[in-house]
């Protein structure tokens, strides 16, 4: 992204990505880019945009990982809350199914996703709001949560982070969300 010429157009359907791109590079333009990976690649080849952002996992599944020209780190573009995690919902009271699903639970992922979702809940955000969050384990087993909320046009981005025991992940997420809501003001997500 750093090497794109001024005025380049980036295609994305994510307000979170749009706000972060425009905050870092206000000289770029962002256009709405929807569709599956093949559709987005076709639009790119047709010149609808100069660049787009795709999940590397999706390109890998399609055997097209060589198309990736840059792999962006979370420092460059904070991901969506719980991005890449798989969740399963069960009927309340269906103890047999709940027991089966519980056996599939990956506790480290659950801890991370719970902290990120607590952040999102505190902000009253959704997948259609410019909120980013990523919880990661540090080498000492503690949790590191990074979070942001932004205006769609990238003119304002509010960031914060928390570090603490993994058992405090939910509280860290709520606290980070409360801080961002307070700093950004009540209309940031409307």
C-alpha atoms as a PDB file:
ATOM      1  CA  UNK A   1       0.000   0.000   0.000  1.00  0.00           C
ATOM      2  CA  UNK A   2       2.880   2.357   0.759  1.00  0.00           C
ATOM      3  CA  UNK A   3       4.070   2.104  -2.850  1.00  0.00           C
ATOM      4  CA  UNK A   4       0.748   2.943  -4.527  1.00  0.00           C
ATOM      5  CA  UNK A   5       0.879   6.230  -6.426  1.00  0.00           C
ATOM      6  CA  UNK A   6      -1.217   9.112  -5.142  1.00  0.00           C
ATOM      7  CA  UNK A   7      -4.777   8.924  -6.474  1.00  0.00           C
ATOM      8  CA  UNK A   8      -4.757   5.126  -6.740  1.00  0.00           C
ATOM      9  CA  UNK A   9      -8.098   3.417  -6.167  1.00  0.00           C
ATOM     10  CA  UNK A  10      -8.403   0.581  -3.649  1.00  0.00           C
ATOM     11  CA  UNK A  11     -11.460  -1.644  -3.806  1.00  0.00           C
ATOM     12  CA  UNK A  12     -12.978  -2.886  -0.543  1.00  0.00           C
ATOM     13  CA  UNK A  13     -16.414  -3.390   0.960  1.00  0.00           C
ATOM     14  CA  UNK A  14     -15.142  -2.980   4.530  1.00  0.00           C
ATOM     15  CA  UNK A  15     -15.658   0.342   6.304  1.00  0.00           C
ATOM     16  CA  UNK A  16     -12.995  -0.778   8.791  1.00  0.00           C
ATOM     17  CA  UNK A  17     -10.438  -1.203   6.003  1.00  0.00           C
ATOM     18  CA  UNK A  18     -11.579   1.957   4.233  1.00  0.00           C
ATOM     19  CA  UNK A  19     -11.151   4.116   7.342  1.00  0.00           C
ATOM     20  CA  UNK A  20      -7.700   2.737   8.130  1.00  0.00           C
ATOM     21  CA  UNK A  21      -6.504   3.082   4.531  1.00  0.00           C
ATOM     22  CA  UNK A  22      -7.713   6.669   4.238  1.00  0.00           C
ATOM     23  CA  UNK A  23      -6.255   7.544   7.633  1.00  0.00           C
ATOM     24  CA  UNK A  24      -2.800   6.338   6.582  1.00  0.00           C
ATOM     25  CA  UNK A  25      -3.082   7.432   2.954  1.00  0.00           C
ATOM     26  CA  UNK A  26      -5.646  10.249   2.492  1.00  0.00           C
ATOM     27  CA  UNK A  27      -4.294  10.680  -1.047  1.00  0.00           C
ATOM     28  CA  UNK A  28      -5.828   7.333  -2.085  1.00  0.00           C
ATOM     29  CA  UNK A  29      -9.409   6.688  -3.137  1.00  0.00           C
ATOM     30  CA  UNK A  30     -11.568   3.800  -1.972  1.00  0.00           C
ATOM     31  CA  UNK A  31     -14.369   2.300  -4.036  1.00  0.00           C
ATOM     32  CA  UNK A  32     -17.012  -0.233  -3.072  1.00  0.00           C
ATOM     33  CA  UNK A  33     -15.815  -3.694  -4.094  1.00  0.00           C
ATOM     34  CA  UNK A  34     -18.130  -6.624  -3.439  1.00  0.00           C
ATOM     35  CA  UNK A  35     -18.150 -10.227  -4.544  1.00  0.00           C
ATOM     36  CA  UNK A  36     -16.224 -13.419  -4.025  1.00  0.00           C
ATOM     37  CA  UNK A  37     -12.479 -13.657  -4.643  1.00  0.00           C
ATOM     38  CA  UNK A  38     -12.872 -14.460  -8.360  1.00  0.00           C
ATOM     39  CA  UNK A  39     -15.265 -11.520  -8.842  1.00  0.00           C
ATOM     40  CA  UNK A  40     -12.918  -9.125  -7.091  1.00  0.00           C
ATOM     41  CA  UNK A  41      -9.944 -10.352  -9.114  1.00  0.00           C
ATOM     42  CA  UNK A  42     -11.958  -9.907 -12.326  1.00  0.00           C
ATOM     43  CA  UNK A  43     -12.903  -6.341 -11.293  1.00  0.00           C
ATOM     44  CA  UNK A  44      -9.242  -5.659 -10.602  1.00  0.00           C
ATOM     45  CA  UNK A  45      -8.197  -6.911 -14.049  1.00  0.00           C
ATOM     46  CA  UNK A  46     -10.968  -4.786 -15.619  1.00  0.00           C
ATOM     47  CA  UNK A  47      -9.463  -1.679 -14.016  1.00  0.00           C
ATOM     48  CA  UNK A  48     -12.306  -0.927 -11.611  1.00  0.00           C
ATOM     49  CA  UNK A  49      -9.590  -0.444  -8.969  1.00  0.00           C
ATOM     50  CA  UNK A  50      -5.802  -0.388  -8.838  1.00  0.00           C
ATOM     51  CA  UNK A  51      -5.612  -2.656  -5.786  1.00  0.00           C
ATOM     52  CA  UNK A  52      -7.796  -4.656  -3.438  1.00  0.00           C
ATOM     53  CA  UNK A  53      -7.453  -6.422  -0.124  1.00  0.00           C
ATOM     54  CA  UNK A  54      -8.093 -10.154   0.021  1.00  0.00           C
ATOM     55  CA  UNK A  55      -7.621 -12.707   2.750  1.00  0.00           C
ATOM     56  CA  UNK A  56      -4.512 -14.766   2.108  1.00  0.00           C
ATOM     57  CA  UNK A  57      -6.387 -17.840   3.375  1.00  0.00           C
ATOM     58  CA  UNK A  58      -8.883 -17.425   0.531  1.00  0.00           C
ATOM     59  CA  UNK A  59      -6.135 -17.078  -2.062  1.00  0.00           C
ATOM     60  CA  UNK A  60      -4.402 -20.150  -0.622  1.00  0.00           C
ATOM     61  CA  UNK A  61      -7.618 -22.198  -0.870  1.00  0.00           C
ATOM     62  CA  UNK A  62      -7.941 -21.229  -4.521  1.00  0.00           C
ATOM     63  CA  UNK A  63      -4.267 -21.936  -5.269  1.00  0.00           C
ATOM     64  CA  UNK A  64      -3.686 -18.270  -6.107  1.00  0.00           C
ATOM     65  CA  UNK A  65      -1.400 -17.149  -3.279  1.00  0.00           C
ATOM     66  CA  UNK A  66       1.140 -15.904  -5.849  1.00  0.00           C
ATOM     67  CA  UNK A  67      -1.267 -13.022  -6.584  1.00  0.00           C
ATOM     68  CA  UNK A  68      -0.598 -11.484  -3.169  1.00  0.00           C
ATOM     69  CA  UNK A  69       1.812  -8.589  -3.620  1.00  0.00           C
ATOM     70  CA  UNK A  70       1.923  -7.618   0.044  1.00  0.00           C
ATOM     71  CA  UNK A  71       0.917  -9.334   3.270  1.00  0.00           C
ATOM     72  CA  UNK A  72      -0.230  -6.682   5.690  1.00  0.00           C
ATOM     73  CA  UNK A  73       0.600  -6.939   9.370  1.00  0.00           C
ATOM     74  CA  UNK A  74      -1.896  -5.973  12.087  1.00  0.00           C
ATOM     75  CA  UNK A  75       0.218  -2.855  12.629  1.00  0.00           C
ATOM     76  CA  UNK A  76      -0.693  -1.827   9.076  1.00  0.00           C
ATOM     77  CA  UNK A  77      -4.364  -2.790   9.147  1.00  0.00           C
ATOM     78  CA  UNK A  78      -6.084  -4.011  12.293  1.00  0.00           C
ATOM     79  CA  UNK A  79      -8.440  -6.910  11.485  1.00  0.00           C
ATOM     80  CA  UNK A  80     -12.104  -7.220  12.282  1.00  0.00           C
ATOM     81  CA  UNK A  81     -13.115  -8.588  15.657  1.00  0.00           C
ATOM     82  CA  UNK A  82     -12.972 -12.412  15.646  1.00  0.00           C
ATOM     83  CA  UNK A  83     -11.722 -12.471  12.052  1.00  0.00           C
ATOM     84  CA  UNK A  84     -10.803 -15.997  11.054  1.00  0.00           C
ATOM     85  CA  UNK A  85     -12.515 -17.663  14.010  1.00  0.00           C
ATOM     86  CA  UNK A  86     -15.274 -20.196  13.457  1.00  0.00           C
ATOM     87  CA  UNK A  87     -18.253 -20.123  15.790  1.00  0.00           C
ATOM     88  CA  UNK A  88     -21.032 -22.637  16.280  1.00  0.00           C
ATOM     89  CA  UNK A  89     -24.387 -21.756  17.806  1.00  0.00           C
ATOM     90  CA  UNK A  90     -26.595 -24.380  19.443  1.00  0.00           C
ATOM     91  CA  UNK A  91     -30.130 -24.458  20.715  1.00  0.00           C
ATOM     92  CA  UNK A  92     -30.364 -23.654  24.389  1.00  0.00           C
ATOM     93  CA  UNK A  93     -31.050 -26.805  26.397  1.00  0.00           C
ATOM     94  CA  UNK A  94     -29.785 -29.178  23.670  1.00  0.00           C
ATOM     95  CA  UNK A  95     -27.277 -30.776  26.045  1.00  0.00           C
ATOM     96  CA  UNK A  96     -26.221 -33.565  23.663  1.00  0.00           C
ATOM     97  CA  UNK A  97     -25.277 -31.160  20.867  1.00  0.00           C
ATOM     98  CA  UNK A  98     -23.687 -28.707  23.289  1.00  0.00           C
ATOM     99  CA  UNK A  99     -21.497 -31.521  24.659  1.00  0.00           C
ATOM    100  CA  UNK A 100     -20.417 -32.487  21.136  1.00  0.00           C
ATOM    101  CA  UNK A 101     -19.622 -28.913  20.174  1.00  0.00           C
ATOM    102  CA  UNK A 102     -17.846 -28.229  23.465  1.00  0.00           C
ATOM    103  CA  UNK A 103     -15.330 -30.940  22.563  1.00  0.00           C
ATOM    104  CA  UNK A 104     -14.405 -28.890  19.467  1.00  0.00           C
ATOM    105  CA  UNK A 105     -13.724 -25.710  21.423  1.00  0.00           C
ATOM    106  CA  UNK A 106     -10.184 -24.345  21.162  1.00  0.00           C
ATOM    107  CA  UNK A 107      -9.767 -22.552  24.486  1.00  0.00           C
ATOM    108  CA  UNK A 108      -6.958 -20.137  23.446  1.00  0.00           C
ATOM    109  CA  UNK A 109      -9.077 -18.966  20.496  1.00  0.00           C
ATOM    110  CA  UNK A 110     -12.137 -18.675  22.726  1.00  0.00           C
ATOM    111  CA  UNK A 111     -10.224 -16.440  25.154  1.00  0.00           C
ATOM    112  CA  UNK A 112      -9.020 -14.187  22.352  1.00  0.00           C
ATOM    113  CA  UNK A 113     -12.388 -13.964  20.609  1.00  0.00           C
ATOM    114  CA  UNK A 114     -14.200 -13.302  23.894  1.00  0.00           C
ATOM    115  CA  UNK A 115     -11.958 -10.295  24.610  1.00  0.00           C
ATOM    116  CA  UNK A 116     -12.456  -8.963  21.082  1.00  0.00           C
ATOM    117  CA  UNK A 117     -16.241  -9.440  21.219  1.00  0.00           C
ATOM    118  CA  UNK A 118     -16.415  -7.699  24.612  1.00  0.00           C
ATOM    119  CA  UNK A 119     -14.733  -4.726  22.923  1.00  0.00           C
ATOM    120  CA  UNK A 120     -17.262  -4.763  20.090  1.00  0.00           C
ATOM    121  CA  UNK A 121     -20.197  -5.078  22.492  1.00  0.00           C
ATOM    122  CA  UNK A 122     -18.973  -2.117  24.550  1.00  0.00           C
ATOM    123  CA  UNK A 123     -18.885  -0.053  21.367  1.00  0.00           C
ATOM    124  CA  UNK A 124     -22.264  -1.404  20.240  1.00  0.00           C
ATOM    125  CA  UNK A 125     -20.565  -2.140  16.936  1.00  0.00           C
ATOM    126  CA  UNK A 126     -21.257  -4.647  14.199  1.00  0.00           C
ATOM    127  CA  UNK A 127     -19.555  -6.055  11.125  1.00  0.00           C
ATOM    128  CA  UNK A 128     -20.670  -2.889   9.317  1.00  0.00           C
ATOM    129  CA  UNK A 129     -18.891  -0.428  11.595  1.00  0.00           C
ATOM    130  CA  UNK A 130     -15.260   0.741  11.407  1.00  0.00           C
ATOM    131  CA  UNK A 131     -14.045  -1.142  14.479  1.00  0.00           C
ATOM    132  CA  UNK A 132     -10.886  -3.243  14.589  1.00  0.00           C
ATOM    133  CA  UNK A 133      -9.677  -5.516  17.342  1.00  0.00           C
ATOM    134  CA  UNK A 134      -7.063  -8.165  17.841  1.00  0.00           C
ATOM    135  CA  UNK A 135      -6.205 -10.112  20.982  1.00  0.00           C
ATOM    136  CA  UNK A 136      -2.990 -12.128  20.975  1.00  0.00           C
ATOM    137  CA  UNK A 137      -1.127 -14.125  23.566  1.00  0.00           C
ATOM    138  CA  UNK A 138       2.267 -12.825  24.600  1.00  0.00           C
ATOM    139  CA  UNK A 139       5.129 -15.202  25.341  1.00  0.00           C
ATOM    140  CA  UNK A 140       4.410 -15.051  29.066  1.00  0.00           C
ATOM    141  CA  UNK A 141       0.803 -16.212  28.522  1.00  0.00           C
ATOM    142  CA  UNK A 142      -0.677 -12.773  29.087  1.00  0.00           C
ATOM    143  CA  UNK A 143      -3.183 -11.302  26.638  1.00  0.00           C
ATOM    144  CA  UNK A 144      -2.490  -8.246  24.470  1.00  0.00           C
ATOM    145  CA  UNK A 145      -5.571  -6.518  23.042  1.00  0.00           C
ATOM    146  CA  UNK A 146      -5.311  -3.817  20.386  1.00  0.00           C
ATOM    147  CA  UNK A 147      -8.421  -1.909  19.354  1.00  0.00           C
ATOM    148  CA  UNK A 148      -9.577   0.967  17.214  1.00  0.00           C
ATOM    149  CA  UNK A 149     -12.685   2.807  16.156  1.00  0.00           C
ATOM    150  CA  UNK A 150     -12.669   5.261  13.264  1.00  0.00           C
ATOM    151  CA  UNK A 151     -14.689   7.622  11.144  1.00  0.00           C
ATOM    152  CA  UNK A 152     -15.484   6.091   7.761  1.00  0.00           C
ATOM    153  CA  UNK A 153     -13.516   8.778   5.919  1.00  0.00           C
ATOM    154  CA  UNK A 154     -10.383   8.076   7.984  1.00  0.00           C
ATOM    155  CA  UNK A 155     -10.261  11.632   9.318  1.00  0.00           C
ATOM    156  CA  UNK A 156     -10.216  10.326  12.886  1.00  0.00           C
ATOM    157  CA  UNK A 157      -8.938   7.037  14.255  1.00  0.00           C
ATOM    158  CA  UNK A 158      -8.969   6.327  17.969  1.00  0.00           C
ATOM    159  CA  UNK A 159      -6.735   3.508  19.182  1.00  0.00           C
ATOM    160  CA  UNK A 160      -6.007   1.853  22.481  1.00  0.00           C
ATOM    161  CA  UNK A 161      -4.509  -1.344  23.837  1.00  0.00           C
ATOM    162  CA  UNK A 162      -4.582  -3.443  26.959  1.00  0.00           C
ATOM    163  CA  UNK A 163      -2.256  -6.078  28.369  1.00  0.00           C
ATOM    164  CA  UNK A 164      -3.135  -8.359  31.240  1.00  0.00           C
ATOM    165  CA  UNK A 165      -3.897 -11.858  32.421  1.00  0.00           C
ATOM    166  CA  UNK A 166      -5.832 -13.927  29.903  1.00  0.00           C
ATOM    167  CA  UNK A 167      -8.507 -14.473  32.537  1.00  0.00           C
ATOM    168  CA  UNK A 168      -9.215 -10.714  32.388  1.00  0.00           C
ATOM    169  CA  UNK A 169      -9.787 -10.709  28.617  1.00  0.00           C
ATOM    170  CA  UNK A 170     -13.480  -9.850  28.742  1.00  0.00           C
ATOM    171  CA  UNK A 171     -12.883  -7.022  31.209  1.00  0.00           C
ATOM    172  CA  UNK A 172     -10.012  -5.725  29.079  1.00  0.00           C
ATOM    173  CA  UNK A 173     -12.275  -5.713  26.019  1.00  0.00           C
ATOM    174  CA  UNK A 174     -15.094  -3.872  27.807  1.00  0.00           C
ATOM    175  CA  UNK A 175     -12.658  -1.358  29.273  1.00  0.00           C
ATOM    176  CA  UNK A 176     -11.008  -0.707  25.899  1.00  0.00           C
ATOM    177  CA  UNK A 177     -14.410  -0.297  24.252  1.00  0.00           C
ATOM    178  CA  UNK A 178     -15.590   2.087  26.960  1.00  0.00           C
ATOM    179  CA  UNK A 179     -12.426   4.164  26.554  1.00  0.00           C
ATOM    180  CA  UNK A 180     -12.794   4.353  22.776  1.00  0.00           C
ATOM    181  CA  UNK A 181     -16.477   5.298  23.022  1.00  0.00           C
ATOM    182  CA  UNK A 182     -15.602   8.034  25.520  1.00  0.00           C
ATOM    183  CA  UNK A 183     -12.731   9.427  23.420  1.00  0.00           C
ATOM    184  CA  UNK A 184     -14.509   9.167  20.065  1.00  0.00           C
ATOM    185  CA  UNK A 185     -17.870  10.495  21.205  1.00  0.00           C
ATOM    186  CA  UNK A 186     -21.348   9.024  20.877  1.00  0.00           C
ATOM    187  CA  UNK A 187     -21.767   9.670  17.139  1.00  0.00           C
ATOM    188  CA  UNK A 188     -18.595   8.013  15.856  1.00  0.00           C
ATOM    189  CA  UNK A 189     -20.444   4.881  14.719  1.00  0.00           C
ATOM    190  CA  UNK A 190     -23.599   6.541  13.440  1.00  0.00           C
END
